[in-house]
């Protein structure tokens, strides 16, 4: 599947007066391990975590329950745990609240300083070669949440995690669930930030071949996240472990292509009938679909879509990559008297719809981008 005029990244948003250019890429698959990937170099900031989930109360509640269950299951209370890609310490704080001794690492010194300012322990570190050592190691457990898909050299990074753990350490590994995307024909999930797209099978293969035995697998957070609990293998276990070798079939992306075509047609009809339209959610899905729509009918898109709203302050005042719509505070939806609202925010879409209805009293037409396309909810 080939893409053109897409955003060059999902996070390095262009500023007003400094528009960027779109990029072209294709979706490939590794014949050896079965991992689906993009034929692009990593984005410049791939060593650091940029996370907006910390702004969501729904995500905080979900993580608190998840971490508590993980700690109880593996008797981790009071033990040391490493977060690989800690961002600004959003999840470190929750782990600390749960009674662990969390320690974070991130490729951005700004993230590390923000974590430390919250009273959390963290250091600037990235596993480039796998030989790097954390100052506070070794650890009894680790977690890496929606970061592995950004990393160019996954074996080196997993080697680094392995070398900073105690024997019998456990871990929590999460990535966006590409199996769910395939099943539901989610066509707007391919972004340059995410180099790799894992199914349960391909993620398990990668982890097993790099010293981690998968103990439990599940889909979480509205099925968007593929979550695996793992155990560090001993060297003896690694020597005796025989990974499954097989030939991988080419993923069938024809459903995604059809879903994309239907979305573009339906969205253009909605825009044509609306007077003042906006999108809520400056997500990577939004950036992708705006690229599709601009390629199809730039004049109509520019005429009817007024802006993209988002709750993250660091996105506000910037432009959408490749398409250059203003990103504004959600308050603008009511100020500008928007009559048609498109919500494109993945697992956060339902929460946003509730806010629009209950807190903002939005009374116009409202649509959510779902697996089946745009669904009118009002």
Protein backbone atom coordinates (compact mmCIF):
# COMPACT_ATOMS: atom_id res chain seq x y z
CA UNK A 1 0.00 0.00 0.00
CA UNK A 2 1.44 3.34 -1.07
CA UNK A 3 0.85 6.75 0.45
CA UNK A 4 1.57 10.22 -0.90
CA UNK A 5 1.53 13.78 0.48
CA UNK A 6 1.42 12.49 4.06
CA UNK A 7 2.73 14.29 7.18
CA UNK A 8 6.48 13.84 7.65
CA UNK A 9 5.88 13.33 11.39
CA UNK A 10 3.07 13.31 13.93
CA UNK A 11 4.75 15.40 16.62
CA UNK A 12 7.14 17.96 15.09
CA UNK A 13 4.28 20.24 14.11
CA UNK A 14 5.02 23.15 11.78
CA UNK A 15 4.57 26.71 13.00
CA UNK A 16 2.64 29.48 11.32
CA UNK A 17 4.68 31.03 8.53
CA UNK A 18 6.89 27.92 8.37
CA UNK A 19 4.87 25.28 6.47
CA UNK A 20 6.38 21.86 5.89
CA UNK A 21 6.14 19.42 2.98
CA UNK A 22 4.46 16.03 2.83
CA UNK A 23 6.25 12.71 2.28
CA UNK A 24 5.60 9.58 0.24
CA UNK A 25 6.07 6.06 1.62
CA UNK A 26 5.07 2.43 1.18
CA UNK A 27 4.08 -0.34 3.58
CA UNK A 28 6.45 -3.34 3.54
CA UNK A 29 6.81 -6.64 5.42
CA UNK A 30 9.94 -8.44 6.67
CA UNK A 31 10.07 -11.93 5.18
CA UNK A 32 12.11 -13.18 8.17
CA UNK A 33 10.10 -12.08 11.21
CA UNK A 34 6.80 -10.99 9.65
CA UNK A 35 6.87 -7.44 11.03
CA UNK A 36 5.11 -4.89 8.84
CA UNK A 37 7.06 -1.66 8.48
CA UNK A 38 7.46 1.56 6.51
CA UNK A 39 10.29 2.24 4.07
CA UNK A 40 11.28 5.45 5.86
CA UNK A 41 14.12 6.57 8.12
CA UNK A 42 13.15 7.34 11.74
CA UNK A 43 11.87 10.79 12.64
CA UNK A 44 14.57 13.08 14.16
CA UNK A 45 13.13 12.82 17.68
CA UNK A 46 12.71 9.02 17.80
CA UNK A 47 14.81 8.72 20.99
CA UNK A 48 12.32 10.71 23.07
CA UNK A 49 8.74 10.08 24.10
CA UNK A 50 6.12 12.72 23.34
CA UNK A 51 2.95 11.74 25.14
CA UNK A 52 -0.41 13.47 25.49
CA UNK A 53 -2.10 10.57 27.31
CA UNK A 54 -1.17 12.16 30.61
CA UNK A 55 -3.85 14.77 29.89
CA UNK A 56 -6.61 12.14 29.80
CA UNK A 57 -8.36 11.17 33.03
CA UNK A 58 -9.67 8.04 31.33
CA UNK A 59 -6.12 6.91 30.57
CA UNK A 60 -4.93 7.70 34.09
CA UNK A 61 -7.70 5.57 35.61
CA UNK A 62 -6.96 2.75 33.16
CA UNK A 63 -3.22 2.77 33.91
CA UNK A 64 -3.76 2.90 37.66
CA UNK A 65 -5.90 -0.25 37.56
CA UNK A 66 -3.58 -1.98 35.08
CA UNK A 67 -0.38 -1.23 37.01
CA UNK A 68 -1.96 -2.30 40.31
CA UNK A 69 -2.98 -5.65 38.82
CA UNK A 70 0.48 -6.17 37.27
CA UNK A 71 2.21 -5.42 40.59
CA UNK A 72 -0.03 -7.78 42.54
CA UNK A 73 0.27 -10.60 39.98
CA UNK A 74 4.08 -10.63 40.08
CA UNK A 75 4.55 -9.58 43.74
CA UNK A 76 6.42 -6.38 42.82
CA UNK A 77 5.34 -4.20 45.75
CA UNK A 78 8.27 -2.04 46.88
CA UNK A 79 10.57 -3.21 44.08
CA UNK A 80 12.53 -1.30 41.43
CA UNK A 81 10.97 -0.90 37.99
CA UNK A 82 12.40 0.75 34.86
CA UNK A 83 10.31 2.72 32.37
CA UNK A 84 11.92 2.75 28.92
CA UNK A 85 10.84 6.01 27.32
CA UNK A 86 9.36 7.80 30.33
CA UNK A 87 8.37 11.06 28.67
CA UNK A 88 7.63 13.70 31.31
CA UNK A 89 7.03 11.09 34.01
CA UNK A 90 3.28 10.64 33.59
CA UNK A 91 3.43 6.88 34.18
CA UNK A 92 6.33 7.04 36.64
CA UNK A 93 4.04 9.01 38.93
CA UNK A 94 1.32 6.35 38.70
CA UNK A 95 3.82 3.56 39.39
CA UNK A 96 5.04 5.48 42.45
CA UNK A 97 1.44 5.89 43.58
CA UNK A 98 1.07 2.10 43.29
CA UNK A 99 3.95 1.54 45.70
CA UNK A 100 6.89 0.76 43.41
CA UNK A 101 10.30 2.41 43.12
CA UNK A 102 10.08 3.67 39.52
CA UNK A 103 13.07 4.89 37.52
CA UNK A 104 12.75 6.46 34.08
CA UNK A 105 14.99 6.80 31.05
CA UNK A 106 14.36 9.01 28.04
CA UNK A 107 16.36 10.40 25.13
CA UNK A 108 15.27 13.97 25.90
CA UNK A 109 16.96 15.90 28.69
CA UNK A 110 13.88 18.17 28.85
CA UNK A 111 11.68 15.16 29.58
CA UNK A 112 14.11 13.97 32.22
CA UNK A 113 14.21 17.38 33.91
CA UNK A 114 10.41 17.61 33.93
CA UNK A 115 10.24 14.17 35.53
CA UNK A 116 12.78 15.17 38.16
CA UNK A 117 10.88 18.38 38.89
CA UNK A 118 7.93 16.17 39.85
CA UNK A 119 10.07 14.37 42.41
CA UNK A 120 10.67 11.35 40.17
CA UNK A 121 13.94 9.62 39.35
CA UNK A 122 15.05 9.60 35.71
CA UNK A 123 18.13 9.91 33.51
CA UNK A 124 18.88 10.80 29.90
CA UNK A 125 19.59 7.45 28.25
CA UNK A 126 18.76 5.53 25.11
CA UNK A 127 19.83 1.99 24.21
CA UNK A 128 21.68 2.62 20.95
CA UNK A 129 23.99 -0.40 21.18
CA UNK A 130 22.44 -2.41 24.01
CA UNK A 131 25.57 -2.10 26.18
CA UNK A 132 24.42 1.04 28.02
CA UNK A 133 23.80 0.76 31.78
CA UNK A 134 21.27 2.65 33.89
CA UNK A 135 22.69 4.38 36.96
CA UNK A 136 20.06 2.84 39.24
CA UNK A 137 20.05 -0.71 37.84
CA UNK A 138 19.60 -3.58 37.83
CA UNK A 139 15.80 -3.66 38.04
CA UNK A 140 13.20 -6.20 39.12
CA UNK A 141 10.81 -5.22 36.34
CA UNK A 142 10.40 -2.91 33.34
CA UNK A 143 7.75 -1.48 31.09
CA UNK A 144 7.82 0.09 27.63
CA UNK A 145 4.49 1.55 26.50
CA UNK A 146 3.83 2.50 22.87
CA UNK A 147 7.48 3.29 22.19
CA UNK A 148 8.93 0.10 20.68
CA UNK A 149 7.32 0.86 17.31
CA UNK A 150 9.42 4.05 17.05
CA UNK A 151 12.80 2.35 17.55
CA UNK A 152 14.93 1.66 14.42
CA UNK A 153 17.17 -1.05 15.97
CA UNK A 154 14.81 -3.11 18.11
CA UNK A 155 17.29 -5.96 18.89
CA UNK A 156 19.83 -3.45 20.26
CA UNK A 157 17.18 -1.76 22.40
CA UNK A 158 15.85 -5.05 23.80
CA UNK A 159 19.43 -6.11 24.51
CA UNK A 160 19.81 -2.94 26.57
CA UNK A 161 16.67 -3.70 28.56
CA UNK A 162 17.79 -7.31 29.11
CA UNK A 163 21.19 -6.23 30.40
CA UNK A 164 19.69 -3.87 33.00
CA UNK A 165 17.40 -6.45 34.64
CA UNK A 166 17.79 -8.89 37.49
CA UNK A 167 17.33 -12.57 36.75
CA UNK A 168 13.65 -13.59 36.59
CA UNK A 169 12.59 -9.97 36.07
CA UNK A 170 9.20 -9.39 34.47
CA UNK A 171 7.99 -6.72 32.11
CA UNK A 172 5.07 -5.07 30.37
CA UNK A 173 5.41 -4.38 26.64
CA UNK A 174 2.75 -2.50 24.69
CA UNK A 175 2.41 -1.39 21.06
CA UNK A 176 -0.47 -0.29 18.83
CA UNK A 177 -2.32 -3.45 17.74
CA UNK A 178 -1.83 -3.88 13.99
CA UNK A 179 -3.89 -7.08 14.07
CA UNK A 180 -6.87 -5.00 15.16
CA UNK A 181 -6.08 -2.44 12.46
CA UNK A 182 -6.07 -5.16 9.79
CA UNK A 183 -9.27 -6.73 11.08
CA UNK A 184 -11.10 -3.40 11.08
CA UNK A 185 -9.45 -1.89 7.97
CA UNK A 186 -8.01 1.08 9.88
CA UNK A 187 -6.38 2.90 6.98
CA UNK A 188 -5.23 6.03 8.83
CA UNK A 189 -2.74 4.42 11.22
CA UNK A 190 0.40 4.53 9.08
CA UNK A 191 2.63 7.42 10.18
CA UNK A 192 6.37 8.07 9.84
CA UNK A 193 6.78 8.09 13.64
CA UNK A 194 5.76 4.44 13.76
CA UNK A 195 8.29 2.44 11.77
CA UNK A 196 6.85 -0.95 12.79
CA UNK A 197 3.34 -2.46 12.97
CA UNK A 198 3.03 -5.54 15.19
CA UNK A 199 0.53 -8.34 15.30
CA UNK A 200 0.50 -10.59 18.38
CA UNK A 201 2.49 -13.17 16.44
CA UNK A 202 5.20 -10.85 15.13
CA UNK A 203 5.66 -9.07 18.49
CA UNK A 204 5.94 -12.41 20.27
CA UNK A 205 8.60 -13.53 17.77
CA UNK A 206 10.65 -10.36 18.30
CA UNK A 207 10.49 -10.66 22.08
CA UNK A 208 11.32 -14.38 22.13
CA UNK A 209 14.32 -13.97 19.86
CA UNK A 210 15.68 -11.23 22.10
CA UNK A 211 15.43 -13.00 25.44
CA UNK A 212 11.89 -12.38 26.70
CA UNK A 213 9.31 -15.12 27.18
CA UNK A 214 5.72 -13.96 26.70
CA UNK A 215 3.55 -14.98 29.67
CA UNK A 216 0.27 -13.25 28.84
CA UNK A 217 -1.23 -11.38 25.87
CA UNK A 218 -4.32 -9.18 25.73
CA UNK A 219 -5.91 -6.28 23.87
CA UNK A 220 -6.54 -3.22 26.00
CA UNK A 221 -7.87 0.36 25.89
CA UNK A 222 -10.70 -0.04 23.37
CA UNK A 223 -8.64 -2.77 21.62
CA UNK A 224 -6.14 -0.21 20.30
CA UNK A 225 -3.25 -1.55 22.38
CA UNK A 226 -1.54 -4.95 22.15
CA UNK A 227 -0.25 -5.69 25.65
CA UNK A 228 2.18 -8.46 26.62
CA UNK A 229 3.50 -9.47 30.02
CA UNK A 230 6.95 -11.04 29.70
CA UNK A 231 9.70 -12.67 31.73
CA UNK A 232 13.44 -12.33 31.23
CA UNK A 233 14.83 -15.67 30.10
CA UNK A 234 17.92 -17.03 31.80
CA UNK A 235 20.90 -17.67 29.54
CA UNK A 236 20.18 -21.39 29.82
CA UNK A 237 16.61 -20.85 28.72
CA UNK A 238 17.78 -18.70 25.80
CA UNK A 239 20.26 -21.36 24.69
CA UNK A 240 17.57 -24.06 24.70
CA UNK A 241 14.74 -21.93 23.30
CA UNK A 242 13.76 -22.76 19.71
CA UNK A 243 11.83 -19.91 18.05
CA UNK A 244 9.12 -20.77 15.56
CA UNK A 245 10.26 -20.24 11.99
CA UNK A 246 7.68 -19.91 9.26
CA UNK A 247 6.87 -18.24 5.98
CA UNK A 248 4.71 -15.16 6.32
CA UNK A 249 1.94 -14.36 3.92
CA UNK A 250 1.65 -10.89 2.50
CA UNK A 251 -0.90 -8.92 4.55
CA UNK A 252 -4.10 -8.20 2.65
CA UNK A 253 -4.57 -4.43 2.71
CA UNK A 254 -7.35 -4.36 0.09
CA UNK A 255 -9.95 -3.74 2.81
CA UNK A 256 -7.98 -0.71 4.01
CA UNK A 257 -7.89 0.68 0.48
CA UNK A 258 -11.67 0.32 0.11
CA UNK A 259 -12.27 1.83 3.54
CA UNK A 260 -10.08 4.80 2.65
CA UNK A 261 -12.00 5.43 -0.57
CA UNK A 262 -15.35 5.22 1.25
CA UNK A 263 -14.18 7.58 3.98
CA UNK A 264 -13.02 10.22 1.51
CA UNK A 265 -16.34 10.09 -0.34
CA UNK A 266 -18.45 10.23 2.83
CA UNK A 267 -16.35 12.99 4.38
CA UNK A 268 -16.56 15.17 1.31
CA UNK A 269 -20.36 14.84 1.36
CA UNK A 270 -20.40 15.90 5.03
CA UNK A 271 -18.15 18.87 4.35
CA UNK A 272 -20.28 19.89 1.36
CA UNK A 273 -23.45 20.00 3.48
CA UNK A 274 -21.89 21.76 6.48
CA UNK A 275 -21.32 25.49 6.75
CA UNK A 276 -18.75 25.67 9.53
CA UNK A 277 -16.83 22.45 10.08
CA UNK A 278 -14.01 21.49 12.44
CA UNK A 279 -12.07 18.45 13.57
CA UNK A 280 -11.48 17.64 17.25
CA UNK A 281 -8.26 15.67 17.73
CA UNK A 282 -4.83 16.67 16.41
CA UNK A 283 -3.96 12.98 16.25
CA UNK A 284 -1.86 11.13 13.72
CA UNK A 285 -5.12 9.74 12.29
CA UNK A 286 -6.33 13.29 11.72
CA UNK A 287 -3.11 14.31 10.01
CA UNK A 288 -3.33 11.29 7.69
CA UNK A 289 -6.97 11.70 6.69
CA UNK A 290 -6.56 15.42 6.07
CA UNK A 291 -3.82 14.45 3.62
CA UNK A 292 -6.22 12.06 1.87
CA UNK A 293 -8.94 14.71 1.68
CA UNK A 294 -6.60 17.43 0.42
CA UNK A 295 -5.34 15.13 -2.31
CA UNK A 296 -8.95 14.46 -3.38
CA UNK A 297 -10.41 18.00 -3.25
CA UNK A 298 -8.15 20.65 -1.73
CA UNK A 299 -10.44 23.56 -2.59
CA UNK A 300 -13.47 22.11 -0.77
CA UNK A 301 -11.42 21.09 2.25
CA UNK A 302 -9.82 24.52 2.62
CA UNK A 303 -13.19 26.23 2.21
CA UNK A 304 -15.24 24.22 4.71
CA UNK A 305 -12.82 23.05 7.41
CA UNK A 306 -11.99 25.97 9.70
CA UNK A 307 -9.51 24.40 12.12
CA UNK A 308 -8.46 21.37 14.17
CA UNK A 309 -9.03 21.50 17.94
CA UNK A 310 -6.94 19.71 20.55
CA UNK A 311 -6.58 19.79 24.34
CA UNK A 312 -2.77 19.51 24.35
CA UNK A 313 -1.29 22.99 24.93
CA UNK A 314 1.95 22.16 23.09
CA UNK A 315 -0.04 21.50 19.90
CA UNK A 316 -2.14 24.65 20.07
CA UNK A 317 -0.87 27.51 17.93
CA UNK A 318 0.82 25.10 15.53
CA UNK A 319 -0.31 23.81 12.12
CA UNK A 320 -1.34 20.36 10.98
CA UNK A 321 1.60 18.82 9.08
CA UNK A 322 1.37 18.76 5.27
CA UNK A 323 -2.14 20.34 5.21
CA UNK A 324 -1.50 23.42 7.42
CA UNK A 325 -4.76 23.91 9.31
CA UNK A 326 -4.60 25.90 12.56
CA UNK A 327 -4.57 23.79 15.74
CA UNK A 328 -6.58 25.58 18.40
CA UNK A 329 -8.08 25.09 21.85
CA UNK A 330 -11.42 23.16 21.95
CA UNK A 331 -13.07 26.31 23.23
CA UNK A 332 -12.95 27.67 19.68
CA UNK A 333 -15.62 25.14 18.66
CA UNK A 334 -18.26 27.08 20.56
CA UNK A 335 -16.72 30.52 19.97
CA UNK A 336 -16.74 30.02 16.19
CA UNK A 337 -20.23 28.45 16.23
CA UNK A 338 -19.16 25.24 14.50
CA UNK A 339 -22.14 23.30 13.12
CA UNK A 340 -20.36 20.08 12.06
CA UNK A 341 -17.75 18.39 14.26
CA UNK A 342 -15.60 15.46 13.18
CA UNK A 343 -13.98 13.60 16.10
CA UNK A 344 -10.84 11.72 15.07
CA UNK A 345 -8.95 10.64 18.18
CA UNK A 346 -8.70 6.84 18.26
CA UNK A 347 -9.34 5.45 21.74
CA UNK A 348 -10.09 8.94 23.12
CA UNK A 349 -12.98 9.65 20.74
CA UNK A 350 -15.78 8.58 23.11
CA UNK A 351 -14.35 10.70 25.91
CA UNK A 352 -14.17 13.73 23.60
CA UNK A 353 -17.77 13.17 22.44
CA UNK A 354 -18.94 13.17 26.08
CA UNK A 355 -17.08 16.41 26.75
CA UNK A 356 -18.63 18.05 23.67
CA UNK A 357 -22.14 16.96 24.64
CA UNK A 358 -22.13 17.33 28.42
CA UNK A 359 -19.57 20.01 29.27
CA UNK A 360 -19.68 22.20 26.17
CA UNK A 361 -23.34 21.62 25.23
CA UNK A 362 -22.41 21.30 21.56
CA UNK A 363 -25.67 20.96 19.60
CA UNK A 364 -24.46 20.63 16.02
CA UNK A 365 -23.86 17.52 13.94
CA UNK A 366 -21.19 15.24 15.35
CA UNK A 367 -19.33 12.32 13.76
CA UNK A 368 -16.74 9.86 15.07
CA UNK A 369 -14.26 8.09 12.81
CA UNK A 370 -14.74 4.39 13.59
CA UNK A 371 -13.55 1.16 11.97
CA UNK A 372 -16.61 1.20 9.71
CA UNK A 373 -16.07 4.83 8.70
CA UNK A 374 -17.66 8.04 9.91
CA UNK A 375 -20.56 7.41 12.28
CA UNK A 376 -23.06 10.17 13.01
CA UNK A 377 -23.72 10.30 16.74
CA UNK A 378 -25.80 13.47 16.73
